N, C-alpha and C. Protein backbone atom coordinates (compact mmCIF):
# COMPACT_ATOMS: atom_id res chain seq x y z
N MET A 1 0.86 -1.17 0.00
CA MET A 1 0.00 0.00 0.00
C MET A 1 0.90 1.23 0.00
N SER A 2 0.59 2.18 -0.84
CA SER A 2 1.43 3.37 -0.93
C SER A 2 1.22 4.25 0.30
N ARG A 3 2.18 5.13 0.53
CA ARG A 3 2.07 6.04 1.68
C ARG A 3 0.85 6.94 1.57
N GLY A 4 0.53 7.37 0.34
CA GLY A 4 -0.63 8.24 0.14
C GLY A 4 -1.92 7.56 0.54
N LEU A 5 -2.09 6.31 0.12
CA LEU A 5 -3.30 5.58 0.48
C LEU A 5 -3.36 5.30 1.97
N LEU A 6 -2.23 4.97 2.55
CA LEU A 6 -2.19 4.72 3.98
C LEU A 6 -2.54 5.99 4.75
N GLY A 7 -1.97 7.11 4.34
CA GLY A 7 -2.27 8.38 4.99
C GLY A 7 -3.73 8.76 4.86
N MET A 8 -4.30 8.51 3.66
CA MET A 8 -5.70 8.82 3.44
C MET A 8 -6.59 7.94 4.30
N ALA A 9 -6.24 6.68 4.42
CA ALA A 9 -7.04 5.76 5.24
C ALA A 9 -6.99 6.18 6.71
N LEU A 10 -5.82 6.55 7.20
CA LEU A 10 -5.71 6.97 8.59
C LEU A 10 -6.41 8.31 8.83
N ALA A 11 -6.31 9.21 7.87
CA ALA A 11 -6.94 10.52 8.02
C ALA A 11 -8.46 10.43 8.02
N SER A 12 -9.00 9.40 7.39
CA SER A 12 -10.46 9.30 7.31
C SER A 12 -11.09 8.78 8.60
N MET A 13 -10.29 8.34 9.55
CA MET A 13 -10.83 7.84 10.82
C MET A 13 -10.92 8.99 11.81
N ILE A 14 -11.86 9.87 11.59
CA ILE A 14 -12.00 11.06 12.42
C ILE A 14 -13.17 10.86 13.37
N PRO A 15 -12.92 10.83 14.65
CA PRO A 15 -14.01 10.68 15.61
C PRO A 15 -14.70 12.02 15.83
N LEU A 16 -15.96 11.98 16.19
CA LEU A 16 -16.70 13.19 16.52
C LEU A 16 -16.62 13.41 18.02
N GLY A 17 -16.25 14.61 18.43
CA GLY A 17 -16.23 14.94 19.85
C GLY A 17 -15.04 14.41 20.62
N ALA A 18 -14.01 13.97 19.96
CA ALA A 18 -12.82 13.47 20.64
C ALA A 18 -11.61 13.70 19.74
N ALA A 19 -10.44 13.54 20.30
CA ALA A 19 -9.22 13.69 19.49
C ALA A 19 -9.13 12.55 18.49
N ALA A 20 -8.59 12.85 17.31
CA ALA A 20 -8.48 11.83 16.26
C ALA A 20 -7.51 10.74 16.68
N LEU A 21 -7.88 9.51 16.38
CA LEU A 21 -7.03 8.36 16.67
C LEU A 21 -6.64 7.72 15.37
N ASP A 22 -5.55 6.95 15.36
CA ASP A 22 -5.15 6.27 14.13
C ASP A 22 -5.60 4.82 14.11
N TYR A 23 -6.56 4.46 14.93
CA TYR A 23 -7.11 3.11 14.95
C TYR A 23 -8.54 3.19 15.48
N PRO A 24 -9.39 2.22 15.14
CA PRO A 24 -10.77 2.24 15.64
C PRO A 24 -10.80 2.08 17.16
N THR A 25 -11.79 2.67 17.77
CA THR A 25 -11.96 2.58 19.21
C THR A 25 -12.47 1.19 19.57
N ARG A 26 -11.94 0.65 20.67
CA ARG A 26 -12.46 -0.64 21.16
C ARG A 26 -13.92 -0.46 21.52
N PRO A 27 -14.77 -1.41 21.16
CA PRO A 27 -16.19 -1.29 21.48
C PRO A 27 -16.42 -1.05 22.97
N GLY A 28 -17.31 -0.11 23.25
CA GLY A 28 -17.67 0.17 24.63
C GLY A 28 -16.77 1.14 25.36
N THR A 29 -15.70 1.63 24.74
CA THR A 29 -14.79 2.52 25.46
C THR A 29 -15.10 4.00 25.24
N ALA A 30 -15.74 4.35 24.15
CA ALA A 30 -16.10 5.74 23.88
C ALA A 30 -17.49 5.74 23.23
N PRO A 31 -18.53 5.80 24.02
CA PRO A 31 -19.88 5.60 23.50
C PRO A 31 -20.34 6.64 22.47
N ASN A 32 -19.78 7.83 22.45
CA ASN A 32 -20.23 8.86 21.52
C ASN A 32 -19.27 9.07 20.36
N GLN A 33 -18.29 8.23 20.20
CA GLN A 33 -17.31 8.40 19.13
C GLN A 33 -17.73 7.61 17.90
N ILE A 34 -17.60 8.25 16.74
CA ILE A 34 -17.89 7.60 15.47
C ILE A 34 -16.63 7.65 14.62
N THR A 35 -16.20 6.51 14.15
CA THR A 35 -15.02 6.44 13.29
C THR A 35 -15.48 6.50 11.84
N ILE A 36 -15.12 7.59 11.14
CA ILE A 36 -15.43 7.70 9.73
C ILE A 36 -14.36 6.94 8.97
N SER A 37 -14.76 5.86 8.33
CA SER A 37 -13.81 5.01 7.63
C SER A 37 -14.43 4.56 6.32
N CYS A 38 -13.78 4.93 5.20
CA CYS A 38 -14.30 4.62 3.88
C CYS A 38 -13.23 3.91 3.05
N PHE A 39 -13.66 2.93 2.26
CA PHE A 39 -12.78 2.34 1.26
C PHE A 39 -12.80 3.26 0.06
N ARG A 40 -11.61 3.72 -0.37
CA ARG A 40 -11.52 4.69 -1.46
C ARG A 40 -11.09 4.08 -2.78
N GLY A 41 -10.42 2.98 -2.82
CA GLY A 41 -9.91 2.45 -4.07
C GLY A 41 -8.61 3.13 -4.44
N LEU A 42 -8.21 3.00 -5.69
CA LEU A 42 -6.89 3.47 -6.12
C LEU A 42 -6.90 4.84 -6.78
N VAL A 43 -8.06 5.42 -7.01
CA VAL A 43 -8.13 6.70 -7.70
C VAL A 43 -8.83 7.74 -6.83
N ASP A 44 -8.63 9.02 -7.16
CA ASP A 44 -9.28 10.08 -6.40
C ASP A 44 -10.74 10.27 -6.78
N ALA A 45 -11.15 9.71 -7.91
CA ALA A 45 -12.55 9.79 -8.31
C ALA A 45 -13.40 8.87 -7.44
N VAL A 46 -14.66 9.24 -7.27
CA VAL A 46 -15.58 8.41 -6.49
C VAL A 46 -16.08 7.29 -7.40
N VAL A 47 -15.43 6.12 -7.29
CA VAL A 47 -15.76 4.99 -8.15
C VAL A 47 -16.18 3.80 -7.29
N TRP A 48 -15.26 3.30 -6.48
CA TRP A 48 -15.53 2.12 -5.65
C TRP A 48 -15.82 2.50 -4.20
N ASP A 49 -15.93 3.76 -3.90
CA ASP A 49 -16.05 4.24 -2.53
C ASP A 49 -17.25 3.63 -1.82
N ARG A 50 -17.01 3.19 -0.59
CA ARG A 50 -18.07 2.62 0.24
C ARG A 50 -17.63 2.69 1.69
N PRO A 51 -18.58 2.67 2.63
CA PRO A 51 -18.20 2.72 4.04
C PRO A 51 -17.62 1.40 4.52
N ASN A 52 -16.63 1.49 5.40
CA ASN A 52 -16.10 0.29 6.06
C ASN A 52 -17.02 -0.08 7.22
N ALA A 53 -16.94 -1.31 7.65
CA ALA A 53 -17.85 -1.84 8.68
C ALA A 53 -17.79 -1.04 9.98
N VAL A 54 -16.62 -0.58 10.39
CA VAL A 54 -16.51 0.13 11.66
C VAL A 54 -17.34 1.40 11.65
N PHE A 55 -17.44 2.07 10.51
CA PHE A 55 -18.23 3.29 10.38
C PHE A 55 -19.72 2.97 10.57
N VAL A 56 -20.22 1.99 9.85
CA VAL A 56 -21.63 1.61 9.96
C VAL A 56 -21.93 1.08 11.36
N ASP A 57 -21.05 0.26 11.90
CA ASP A 57 -21.25 -0.30 13.25
C ASP A 57 -21.34 0.79 14.31
N ASP A 58 -20.52 1.83 14.19
CA ASP A 58 -20.58 2.94 15.15
C ASP A 58 -21.91 3.67 15.07
N LEU A 59 -22.45 3.85 13.87
CA LEU A 59 -23.75 4.50 13.73
C LEU A 59 -24.87 3.63 14.30
N VAL A 60 -24.78 2.32 14.11
CA VAL A 60 -25.76 1.40 14.69
C VAL A 60 -25.67 1.44 16.21
N ARG A 61 -24.45 1.49 16.73
CA ARG A 61 -24.24 1.51 18.18
C ARG A 61 -24.88 2.73 18.84
N ILE A 62 -24.91 3.87 18.14
CA ILE A 62 -25.50 5.05 18.76
C ILE A 62 -27.01 5.14 18.57
N GLY A 63 -27.60 4.16 17.82
CA GLY A 63 -29.05 4.11 17.77
C GLY A 63 -29.71 4.03 16.41
N TYR A 64 -28.97 4.13 15.33
CA TYR A 64 -29.58 4.01 14.01
C TYR A 64 -29.81 2.54 13.67
N GLU A 65 -30.89 2.27 12.94
CA GLU A 65 -31.11 0.93 12.40
C GLU A 65 -30.08 0.72 11.30
N TYR A 66 -29.73 -0.54 11.01
CA TYR A 66 -28.67 -0.82 10.05
C TYR A 66 -28.90 -0.18 8.68
N PRO A 67 -30.08 -0.31 8.07
CA PRO A 67 -30.25 0.30 6.74
C PRO A 67 -30.05 1.82 6.75
N GLN A 68 -30.52 2.47 7.81
CA GLN A 68 -30.36 3.91 7.94
C GLN A 68 -28.89 4.27 8.17
N ALA A 69 -28.21 3.52 9.01
CA ALA A 69 -26.79 3.76 9.27
C ALA A 69 -25.97 3.57 8.00
N TYR A 70 -26.28 2.53 7.24
CA TYR A 70 -25.54 2.29 6.00
C TYR A 70 -25.79 3.42 5.00
N ALA A 71 -27.03 3.89 4.91
CA ALA A 71 -27.35 4.98 3.98
C ALA A 71 -26.60 6.26 4.35
N ILE A 72 -26.52 6.57 5.64
CA ILE A 72 -25.78 7.76 6.09
C ILE A 72 -24.30 7.61 5.76
N ALA A 73 -23.72 6.46 6.11
CA ALA A 73 -22.30 6.22 5.86
C ALA A 73 -22.01 6.23 4.36
N GLN A 74 -22.90 5.64 3.57
CA GLN A 74 -22.73 5.62 2.11
C GLN A 74 -22.75 7.04 1.55
N THR A 75 -23.64 7.88 2.06
CA THR A 75 -23.72 9.27 1.60
C THR A 75 -22.43 10.02 1.90
N VAL A 76 -21.88 9.81 3.09
CA VAL A 76 -20.62 10.47 3.46
C VAL A 76 -19.48 9.96 2.58
N CYS A 77 -19.38 8.66 2.40
CA CYS A 77 -18.26 8.09 1.65
C CYS A 77 -18.33 8.36 0.16
N ARG A 78 -19.52 8.50 -0.39
CA ARG A 78 -19.67 8.71 -1.83
C ARG A 78 -19.69 10.18 -2.23
N ASP A 79 -19.59 11.08 -1.27
CA ASP A 79 -19.58 12.51 -1.56
C ASP A 79 -18.22 12.89 -2.14
N GLU A 80 -18.21 13.39 -3.36
CA GLU A 80 -16.94 13.69 -4.05
C GLU A 80 -16.13 14.78 -3.36
N TYR A 81 -16.78 15.66 -2.60
CA TYR A 81 -16.04 16.70 -1.90
C TYR A 81 -15.28 16.16 -0.68
N GLY A 82 -15.61 14.95 -0.26
CA GLY A 82 -14.94 14.34 0.87
C GLY A 82 -13.63 13.64 0.51
N VAL A 83 -13.36 13.46 -0.79
CA VAL A 83 -12.12 12.80 -1.21
C VAL A 83 -10.93 13.67 -0.80
N ASN A 84 -10.04 13.10 0.00
CA ASN A 84 -8.86 13.80 0.54
C ASN A 84 -9.24 15.01 1.38
N ASN A 85 -10.43 15.01 1.97
CA ASN A 85 -10.88 16.14 2.77
C ASN A 85 -11.63 15.62 4.00
N PRO A 86 -10.90 15.10 4.99
CA PRO A 86 -11.56 14.50 6.16
C PRO A 86 -12.39 15.49 6.96
N GLY A 87 -12.01 16.76 6.96
CA GLY A 87 -12.80 17.77 7.67
C GLY A 87 -14.19 17.91 7.08
N TYR A 88 -14.27 17.86 5.76
CA TYR A 88 -15.57 17.93 5.10
C TYR A 88 -16.40 16.69 5.43
N MET A 89 -15.75 15.52 5.48
CA MET A 89 -16.48 14.29 5.80
C MET A 89 -17.10 14.38 7.19
N THR A 90 -16.37 14.93 8.14
CA THR A 90 -16.89 15.10 9.49
C THR A 90 -18.07 16.06 9.50
N GLN A 91 -17.92 17.18 8.80
CA GLN A 91 -18.99 18.17 8.71
C GLN A 91 -20.23 17.57 8.05
N ARG A 92 -20.05 16.82 6.99
CA ARG A 92 -21.17 16.20 6.28
C ARG A 92 -21.89 15.19 7.18
N LEU A 93 -21.13 14.40 7.93
CA LEU A 93 -21.75 13.44 8.84
C LEU A 93 -22.56 14.17 9.91
N GLN A 94 -22.01 15.24 10.45
CA GLN A 94 -22.74 16.01 11.47
C GLN A 94 -24.04 16.58 10.89
N GLN A 95 -24.01 17.06 9.66
CA GLN A 95 -25.22 17.58 9.01
C GLN A 95 -26.26 16.48 8.84
N LEU A 96 -25.83 15.31 8.37
CA LEU A 96 -26.76 14.21 8.16
C LEU A 96 -27.37 13.73 9.47
N MET A 97 -26.56 13.68 10.52
CA MET A 97 -27.06 13.24 11.82
C MET A 97 -28.04 14.25 12.40
N ALA A 98 -27.81 15.53 12.13
CA ALA A 98 -28.71 16.57 12.65
C ALA A 98 -30.07 16.52 11.96
N THR A 99 -30.10 16.08 10.71
CA THR A 99 -31.36 16.05 9.97
C THR A 99 -32.00 14.67 9.91
N THR A 100 -31.32 13.66 10.42
CA THR A 100 -31.83 12.29 10.39
C THR A 100 -31.96 11.79 11.83
N PRO A 101 -33.16 11.69 12.35
CA PRO A 101 -33.32 11.27 13.75
C PRO A 101 -32.95 9.80 13.94
N VAL A 102 -32.47 9.49 15.12
CA VAL A 102 -32.19 8.10 15.50
C VAL A 102 -33.52 7.36 15.57
N THR A 103 -33.56 6.15 15.05
CA THR A 103 -34.83 5.42 14.93
C THR A 103 -35.17 4.54 16.12
N ARG A 104 -34.24 4.27 16.99
CA ARG A 104 -34.56 3.42 18.14
C ARG A 104 -34.08 4.02 19.42
């Protein structure tokens, strides 16, 4: 894996409300933290982009049903402005969470 891809993968794991970590949080240790983690593929274009399991699992853990959590994560990961822009990904997730109520 090239350094650029590794750096992009690490940069995309931005927790909300806590300092950024370079690894997913152990389950149960930070109940309000969400790890934004997307598979990007080999190009900067949005082609194969999809959310990684840790991202969807964190949304389910805070109260979203799986289909809703996947849709939110998919929207964040497939947004072309989020490519190489982790700050935008965090902002986009916060916007989606503010407009999408938790279902359970």
